Amino acid sequence: MKLILLTLTSCAFILGTEVLKRKFSLPTAITRRLAHVGTAIVAGSSPLFVTQKEIVFVSMIFATVLLAGRRYDIFSAIHSVERNTFGEVFLPLGVALSALLFLPHNLGAFQFGIFVMGISDALAGLVGEKFGRHHIKFLSNKKSLEGSLVFFLSSLILTFLFIPALGYELLFVPLILTITEFCLVYGLDNLILPVAGALLFQNFL
């Protein structure tokens, strides 16, 4: 029953953003981030209700469905973007990989990594696309300083919420995550960030 509820809740975020886009003509920049944050919150909370294997199973199903949806242009709320990215597919794969590596023995690390990917990355992308004025190009990657700053601040807040005491880790962890996010292209941040965040949590927090 809990597995079914997890699946339905994740579907609700994706389908809900699709309805919002079609009914109210919301820009993809908004609907994509809503789905991003919503599914990440569900994923981060899921270990409290379902097992590691169930999380991996549901994540792999969603990765397959989203890949098919990309092929046939089904989910315009998350697929209609100008840049070349597979972020919507990498997101559930990132959840599955993090679950395999950190559950059930380190719930805090798993949640920290998922929330950094789901919240910090989504906010950075939204701010960067809408308000970014100062850009830096690294290889084929172009990111705005405004977006990176928001990512750092959001990750700083998450680190503060997860850390038991104040120390150099409070700045070091979000700084490393910000640099990592800046260097990743094609949506790979959704795959790498949750693992990187969890590893940093495991070793420094």
C-alpha atoms as a PDB file:
ATOM      1  CA  MET A   1       0.000   0.000   0.000  1.00  0.00           C
ATOM      2  CA  LYS A   2       2.807   2.422   0.907  1.00  0.00           C
ATOM      3  CA  LEU A   3       4.630   1.606  -2.327  1.00  0.00           C
ATOM      4  CA  ILE A   4       1.502   2.389  -4.321  1.00  0.00           C
ATOM      5  CA  LEU A   5       1.078   5.666  -2.424  1.00  0.00           C
ATOM      6  CA  LEU A   6       4.695   6.626  -3.158  1.00  0.00           C
ATOM      7  CA  THR A   7       4.193   5.926  -6.846  1.00  0.00           C
ATOM      8  CA  LEU A   8       0.915   7.832  -7.022  1.00  0.00           C
ATOM      9  CA  THR A   9       2.346  10.833  -5.165  1.00  0.00           C
ATOM     10  CA  SER A  10       5.305  11.040  -7.538  1.00  0.00           C
ATOM     11  CA  CYS A  11       2.961  10.721 -10.515  1.00  0.00           C
ATOM     12  CA  ALA A  12       0.775  13.477  -9.101  1.00  0.00           C
ATOM     13  CA  PHE A  13       3.614  15.997  -9.194  1.00  0.00           C
ATOM     14  CA  ILE A  14       4.477  15.192 -12.795  1.00  0.00           C
ATOM     15  CA  LEU A  15       0.885  15.087 -14.030  1.00  0.00           C
ATOM     16  CA  GLY A  16      -0.053  18.111 -11.921  1.00  0.00           C
ATOM     17  CA  THR A  17       2.625  20.267 -13.510  1.00  0.00           C
ATOM     18  CA  GLU A  18       1.529  19.042 -16.936  1.00  0.00           C
ATOM     19  CA  VAL A  19      -2.043  20.158 -16.203  1.00  0.00           C
ATOM     20  CA  LEU A  20      -0.839  23.531 -14.911  1.00  0.00           C
ATOM     21  CA  LYS A  21       1.216  24.116 -18.028  1.00  0.00           C
ATOM     22  CA  ARG A  22      -1.582  23.200 -20.422  1.00  0.00           C
ATOM     23  CA  LYS A  23      -4.377  24.953 -18.526  1.00  0.00           C
ATOM     24  CA  PHE A  24      -2.609  28.160 -17.488  1.00  0.00           C
ATOM     25  CA  SER A  25       0.194  28.244 -20.093  1.00  0.00           C
ATOM     26  CA  LEU A  26       2.852  28.365 -17.398  1.00  0.00           C
ATOM     27  CA  PRO A  27       6.419  28.514 -18.676  1.00  0.00           C
ATOM     28  CA  THR A  28       8.419  25.305 -18.582  1.00  0.00           C
ATOM     29  CA  ALA A  29      10.982  27.024 -16.350  1.00  0.00           C
ATOM     30  CA  ILE A  30       8.313  27.070 -13.615  1.00  0.00           C
ATOM     31  CA  THR A  31       6.603  23.709 -14.160  1.00  0.00           C
ATOM     32  CA  ARG A  32       9.896  21.854 -14.554  1.00  0.00           C
ATOM     33  CA  ARG A  33      11.175  23.207 -11.232  1.00  0.00           C
ATOM     34  CA  LEU A  34       7.892  22.467  -9.465  1.00  0.00           C
ATOM     35  CA  ALA A  35       8.134  18.840 -10.564  1.00  0.00           C
ATOM     36  CA  HIS A  36      11.814  18.835  -9.617  1.00  0.00           C
ATOM     37  CA  VAL A  37      11.237  20.067  -6.065  1.00  0.00           C
ATOM     38  CA  GLY A  38       8.092  17.999  -5.517  1.00  0.00           C
ATOM     39  CA  THR A  39       9.537  14.677  -6.583  1.00  0.00           C
ATOM     40  CA  ALA A  40      12.725  15.321  -4.605  1.00  0.00           C
ATOM     41  CA  ILE A  41      10.740  16.016  -1.429  1.00  0.00           C
ATOM     42  CA  VAL A  42       8.781  12.798  -1.972  1.00  0.00           C
ATOM     43  CA  ALA A  43      12.024  10.882  -2.599  1.00  0.00           C
ATOM     44  CA  GLY A  44      13.712  12.354   0.466  1.00  0.00           C
ATOM     45  CA  SER A  45      10.758  11.411   2.664  1.00  0.00           C
ATOM     46  CA  SER A  46      10.225   7.970   1.153  1.00  0.00           C
ATOM     47  CA  PRO A  47      12.726   6.026   3.343  1.00  0.00           C
ATOM     48  CA  LEU A  48      10.460   6.768   6.293  1.00  0.00           C
ATOM     49  CA  PHE A  49       7.723   4.669   4.682  1.00  0.00           C
ATOM     50  CA  VAL A  50       9.199   2.236   2.167  1.00  0.00           C
ATOM     51  CA  THR A  51      12.320   0.091   1.808  1.00  0.00           C
ATOM     52  CA  GLN A  52      15.510   0.758  -0.118  1.00  0.00           C
ATOM     53  CA  LYS A  53      14.584  -1.796  -2.776  1.00  0.00           C
ATOM     54  CA  GLU A  54      11.162  -0.229  -3.258  1.00  0.00           C
ATOM     55  CA  ILE A  55      12.708   3.229  -3.734  1.00  0.00           C
ATOM     56  CA  VAL A  56      15.112   1.851  -6.333  1.00  0.00           C
ATOM     57  CA  PHE A  57      12.295  -0.018  -8.084  1.00  0.00           C
ATOM     58  CA  VAL A  58      10.014   3.023  -8.330  1.00  0.00           C
ATOM     59  CA  SER A  59      12.904   5.284  -9.385  1.00  0.00           C
ATOM     60  CA  MET A  60      13.896   2.961 -12.222  1.00  0.00           C
ATOM     61  CA  ILE A  61      10.304   2.815 -13.449  1.00  0.00           C
ATOM     62  CA  PHE A  62      10.100   6.609 -13.481  1.00  0.00           C
ATOM     63  CA  ALA A  63      13.427   6.907 -15.302  1.00  0.00           C
ATOM     64  CA  THR A  64      12.122   4.540 -17.986  1.00  0.00           C
ATOM     65  CA  VAL A  65       8.779   6.331 -18.284  1.00  0.00           C
ATOM     66  CA  LEU A  66      10.400   9.767 -18.478  1.00  0.00           C
ATOM     67  CA  LEU A  67      12.864   8.567 -21.086  1.00  0.00           C
ATOM     68  CA  ALA A  68       9.954   7.251 -23.177  1.00  0.00           C
ATOM     69  CA  GLY A  69       8.080  10.496 -22.559  1.00  0.00           C
ATOM     70  CA  ARG A  70      11.056  12.428 -23.851  1.00  0.00           C
ATOM     71  CA  ARG A  71      11.169  10.260 -26.964  1.00  0.00           C
ATOM     72  CA  TYR A  72       7.498  10.842 -27.757  1.00  0.00           C
ATOM     73  CA  ASP A  73       7.223  14.371 -26.271  1.00  0.00           C
ATOM     74  CA  ILE A  74       4.506  13.396 -23.778  1.00  0.00           C
ATOM     75  CA  PHE A  75       5.402  15.539 -20.771  1.00  0.00           C
ATOM     76  CA  SER A  76       5.821  19.033 -22.161  1.00  0.00           C
ATOM     77  CA  ALA A  77       5.916  20.527 -18.650  1.00  0.00           C
ATOM     78  CA  ILE A  78       9.343  19.012 -18.053  1.00  0.00           C
ATOM     79  CA  HIS A  79      10.677  18.213 -21.514  1.00  0.00           C
ATOM     80  CA  SER A  80      10.136  21.508 -23.359  1.00  0.00           C
ATOM     81  CA  VAL A  81      13.460  23.212 -22.734  1.00  0.00           C
ATOM     82  CA  GLU A  82      15.806  24.925 -25.159  1.00  0.00           C
ATOM     83  CA  ARG A  83      19.036  23.494 -23.738  1.00  0.00           C
ATOM     84  CA  ASN A  84      20.138  19.925 -24.310  1.00  0.00           C
ATOM     85  CA  THR A  85      19.509  18.096 -21.031  1.00  0.00           C
ATOM     86  CA  PHE A  86      18.515  14.694 -19.722  1.00  0.00           C
ATOM     87  CA  GLY A  87      17.998  16.040 -16.216  1.00  0.00           C
ATOM     88  CA  GLU A  88      14.459  14.674 -15.879  1.00  0.00           C
ATOM     89  CA  VAL A  89      15.786  11.156 -16.525  1.00  0.00           C
ATOM     90  CA  PHE A  90      18.902  11.557 -14.393  1.00  0.00           C
ATOM     91  CA  LEU A  91      16.826  12.698 -11.384  1.00  0.00           C
ATOM     92  CA  PRO A  92      15.207   9.310 -10.594  1.00  0.00           C
ATOM     93  CA  LEU A  93      18.489   7.600 -11.475  1.00  0.00           C
ATOM     94  CA  GLY A  94      20.227   9.840  -8.919  1.00  0.00           C
ATOM     95  CA  VAL A  95      17.631   8.865  -6.330  1.00  0.00           C
ATOM     96  CA  ALA A  96      18.102   5.164  -7.108  1.00  0.00           C
ATOM     97  CA  LEU A  97      21.909   5.375  -6.937  1.00  0.00           C
ATOM     98  CA  SER A  98      21.816   7.315  -3.658  1.00  0.00           C
ATOM     99  CA  ALA A  99      19.404   4.789  -2.177  1.00  0.00           C
ATOM    100  CA  LEU A 100      21.690   1.913  -3.162  1.00  0.00           C
ATOM    101  CA  LEU A 101      24.740   3.592  -1.649  1.00  0.00           C
ATOM    102  CA  PHE A 102      23.362   5.153   1.540  1.00  0.00           C
ATOM    103  CA  LEU A 103      20.179   3.375   2.597  1.00  0.00           C
ATOM    104  CA  PRO A 104      19.198   2.151   5.057  1.00  0.00           C
ATOM    105  CA  HIS A 105      22.369   2.769   7.085  1.00  0.00           C
ATOM    106  CA  ASN A 106      22.645   6.549   6.589  1.00  0.00           C
ATOM    107  CA  LEU A 107      19.255   8.190   6.199  1.00  0.00           C
ATOM    108  CA  GLY A 108      20.601  11.679   6.933  1.00  0.00           C
ATOM    109  CA  ALA A 109      23.178  11.477   4.141  1.00  0.00           C
ATOM    110  CA  PHE A 110      20.564  10.269   1.662  1.00  0.00           C
ATOM    111  CA  GLN A 111      18.101  13.025   2.549  1.00  0.00           C
ATOM    112  CA  PHE A 112      20.738  15.754   2.499  1.00  0.00           C
ATOM    113  CA  GLY A 113      21.923  14.775  -0.977  1.00  0.00           C
ATOM    114  CA  ILE A 114      18.393  14.482  -2.353  1.00  0.00           C
ATOM    115  CA  PHE A 115      17.296  17.840  -0.945  1.00  0.00           C
ATOM    116  CA  VAL A 116      20.389  19.612  -2.280  1.00  0.00           C
ATOM    117  CA  MET A 117      19.653  18.202  -5.727  1.00  0.00           C
ATOM    118  CA  GLY A 118      15.922  18.826  -5.504  1.00  0.00           C
ATOM    119  CA  ILE A 119      15.753  22.219  -3.821  1.00  0.00           C
ATOM    120  CA  SER A 120      19.096  24.010  -4.272  1.00  0.00           C
ATOM    121  CA  ASP A 121      19.509  22.974  -7.896  1.00  0.00           C
ATOM    122  CA  ALA A 122      15.928  23.869  -8.811  1.00  0.00           C
ATOM    123  CA  LEU A 123      16.137  27.314  -7.195  1.00  0.00           C
ATOM    124  CA  ALA A 124      19.488  27.998  -8.847  1.00  0.00           C
ATOM    125  CA  GLY A 125      18.139  27.041 -12.264  1.00  0.00           C
ATOM    126  CA  LEU A 126      15.050  29.190 -11.878  1.00  0.00           C
ATOM    127  CA  VAL A 127      16.933  32.264 -10.683  1.00  0.00           C
ATOM    128  CA  GLY A 128      19.683  31.754 -13.242  1.00  0.00           C
ATOM    129  CA  GLU A 129      17.228  31.575 -16.147  1.00  0.00           C
ATOM    130  CA  LYS A 130      15.041  34.466 -15.017  1.00  0.00           C
ATOM    131  CA  PHE A 131      17.464  36.876 -13.374  1.00  0.00           C
ATOM    132  CA  GLY A 132      20.939  35.771 -14.420  1.00  0.00           C
ATOM    133  CA  ARG A 133      22.933  38.674 -15.865  1.00  0.00           C
ATOM    134  CA  HIS A 134      26.532  37.679 -15.189  1.00  0.00           C
ATOM    135  CA  HIS A 135      27.582  34.450 -16.852  1.00  0.00           C
ATOM    136  CA  ILE A 136      30.722  32.338 -16.760  1.00  0.00           C
ATOM    137  CA  LYS A 137      31.514  29.753 -19.418  1.00  0.00           C
ATOM    138  CA  PHE A 138      33.455  26.633 -18.449  1.00  0.00           C
ATOM    139  CA  LEU A 139      34.103  24.227 -21.331  1.00  0.00           C
ATOM    140  CA  SER A 140      30.630  23.861 -22.909  1.00  0.00           C
ATOM    141  CA  ASN A 141      28.921  24.864 -19.682  1.00  0.00           C
ATOM    142  CA  LYS A 142      27.441  28.327 -19.122  1.00  0.00           C
ATOM    143  CA  LYS A 143      26.131  29.254 -15.691  1.00  0.00           C
ATOM    144  CA  SER A 144      25.094  32.538 -14.128  1.00  0.00           C
ATOM    145  CA  LEU A 145      26.727  33.905 -11.002  1.00  0.00           C
ATOM    146  CA  GLU A 146      23.250  34.716  -9.673  1.00  0.00           C
ATOM    147  CA  GLY A 147      22.139  31.101  -9.997  1.00  0.00           C
ATOM    148  CA  SER A 148      25.332  29.770  -8.403  1.00  0.00           C
ATOM    149  CA  LEU A 149      24.928  32.200  -5.510  1.00  0.00           C
ATOM    150  CA  VAL A 150      21.383  30.996  -4.887  1.00  0.00           C
ATOM    151  CA  PHE A 151      22.572  27.396  -5.041  1.00  0.00           C
ATOM    152  CA  PHE A 152      25.265  28.147  -2.465  1.00  0.00           C
ATOM    153  CA  LEU A 153      22.886  29.961  -0.114  1.00  0.00           C
ATOM    154  CA  SER A 154      20.242  27.249  -0.359  1.00  0.00           C
ATOM    155  CA  SER A 155      22.838  24.529   0.250  1.00  0.00           C
ATOM    156  CA  LEU A 156      24.207  26.578   3.142  1.00  0.00           C
ATOM    157  CA  ILE A 157      20.765  26.618   4.760  1.00  0.00           C
ATOM    158  CA  LEU A 158      20.341  22.873   4.228  1.00  0.00           C
ATOM    159  CA  THR A 159      23.794  22.247   5.702  1.00  0.00           C
ATOM    160  CA  PHE A 160      22.918  24.359   8.722  1.00  0.00           C
ATOM    161  CA  LEU A 161      19.682  22.381   9.197  1.00  0.00           C
ATOM    162  CA  PHE A 162      21.472  19.016   8.997  1.00  0.00           C
ATOM    163  CA  ILE A 163      24.692  19.867  10.851  1.00  0.00           C
ATOM    164  CA  PRO A 164      24.707  19.299  14.643  1.00  0.00           C
ATOM    165  CA  ALA A 165      27.253  22.045  15.344  1.00  0.00           C
ATOM    166  CA  LEU A 166      28.822  25.046  13.659  1.00  0.00           C
ATOM    167  CA  GLY A 167      32.263  24.656  12.090  1.00  0.00           C
ATOM    168  CA  TYR A 168      34.226  25.030   8.884  1.00  0.00           C
ATOM    169  CA  GLU A 169      31.984  22.344   7.354  1.00  0.00           C
ATOM    170  CA  LEU A 170      29.121  24.834   7.267  1.00  0.00           C
ATOM    171  CA  LEU A 171      30.866  26.731   4.448  1.00  0.00           C
ATOM    172  CA  PHE A 172      33.055  23.979   3.003  1.00  0.00           C
ATOM    173  CA  VAL A 173      30.241  21.557   2.131  1.00  0.00           C
ATOM    174  CA  PRO A 174      28.003  24.015   0.213  1.00  0.00           C
ATOM    175  CA  LEU A 175      31.081  25.490  -1.513  1.00  0.00           C
ATOM    176  CA  ILE A 176      32.154  22.071  -2.855  1.00  0.00           C
ATOM    177  CA  LEU A 177      28.584  21.317  -3.935  1.00  0.00           C
ATOM    178  CA  THR A 178      28.321  24.686  -5.715  1.00  0.00           C
ATOM    179  CA  ILE A 179      31.540  24.046  -7.637  1.00  0.00           C
ATOM    180  CA  THR A 180      30.324  20.547  -8.519  1.00  0.00           C
ATOM    181  CA  GLU A 181      26.992  21.857  -9.794  1.00  0.00           C
ATOM    182  CA  PHE A 182      28.723  24.522 -11.848  1.00  0.00           C
ATOM    183  CA  CYS A 183      30.912  21.988 -13.668  1.00  0.00           C
ATOM    184  CA  LEU A 184      28.165  19.523 -14.636  1.00  0.00           C
ATOM    185  CA  VAL A 185      26.318  19.642 -17.959  1.00  0.00           C
ATOM    186  CA  TYR A 186      23.394  17.923 -19.723  1.00  0.00           C
ATOM    187  CA  GLY A 187      21.456  17.511 -16.478  1.00  0.00           C
ATOM    188  CA  LEU A 188      24.141  15.321 -14.888  1.00  0.00           C
ATOM    189  CA  ASP A 189      23.824  17.403 -11.725  1.00  0.00           C
ATOM    190  CA  ASN A 190      20.620  15.482 -10.951  1.00  0.00           C
ATOM    191  CA  LEU A 191      22.621  12.247 -10.997  1.00  0.00           C
ATOM    192  CA  ILE A 192      25.830  13.419  -9.305  1.00  0.00           C
ATOM    193  CA  LEU A 193      24.669  15.992  -6.733  1.00  0.00           C
ATOM    194  CA  PRO A 194      22.655  13.639  -4.490  1.00  0.00           C
ATOM    195  CA  VAL A 195      25.604  11.245  -4.282  1.00  0.00           C
ATOM    196  CA  ALA A 196      28.149  14.042  -3.797  1.00  0.00           C
ATOM    197  CA  GLY A 197      25.981  15.658  -1.129  1.00  0.00           C
ATOM    198  CA  ALA A 198      25.523  12.363   0.687  1.00  0.00           C
ATOM    199  CA  LEU A 199      29.265  11.627   0.581  1.00  0.00           C
ATOM    200  CA  LEU A 200      30.093  15.057   1.991  1.00  0.00           C
ATOM    201  CA  PHE A 201      27.488  14.593   4.721  1.00  0.00           C
ATOM    202  CA  GLN A 202      28.896  11.181   5.560  1.00  0.00           C
ATOM    203  CA  ASN A 203      32.461  12.431   5.815  1.00  0.00           C
ATOM    204  CA  PHE A 204      32.137  15.969   7.151  1.00  0.00           C
ATOM    205  CA  LEU A 205      28.788  16.432   8.893  1.00  0.00           C
END
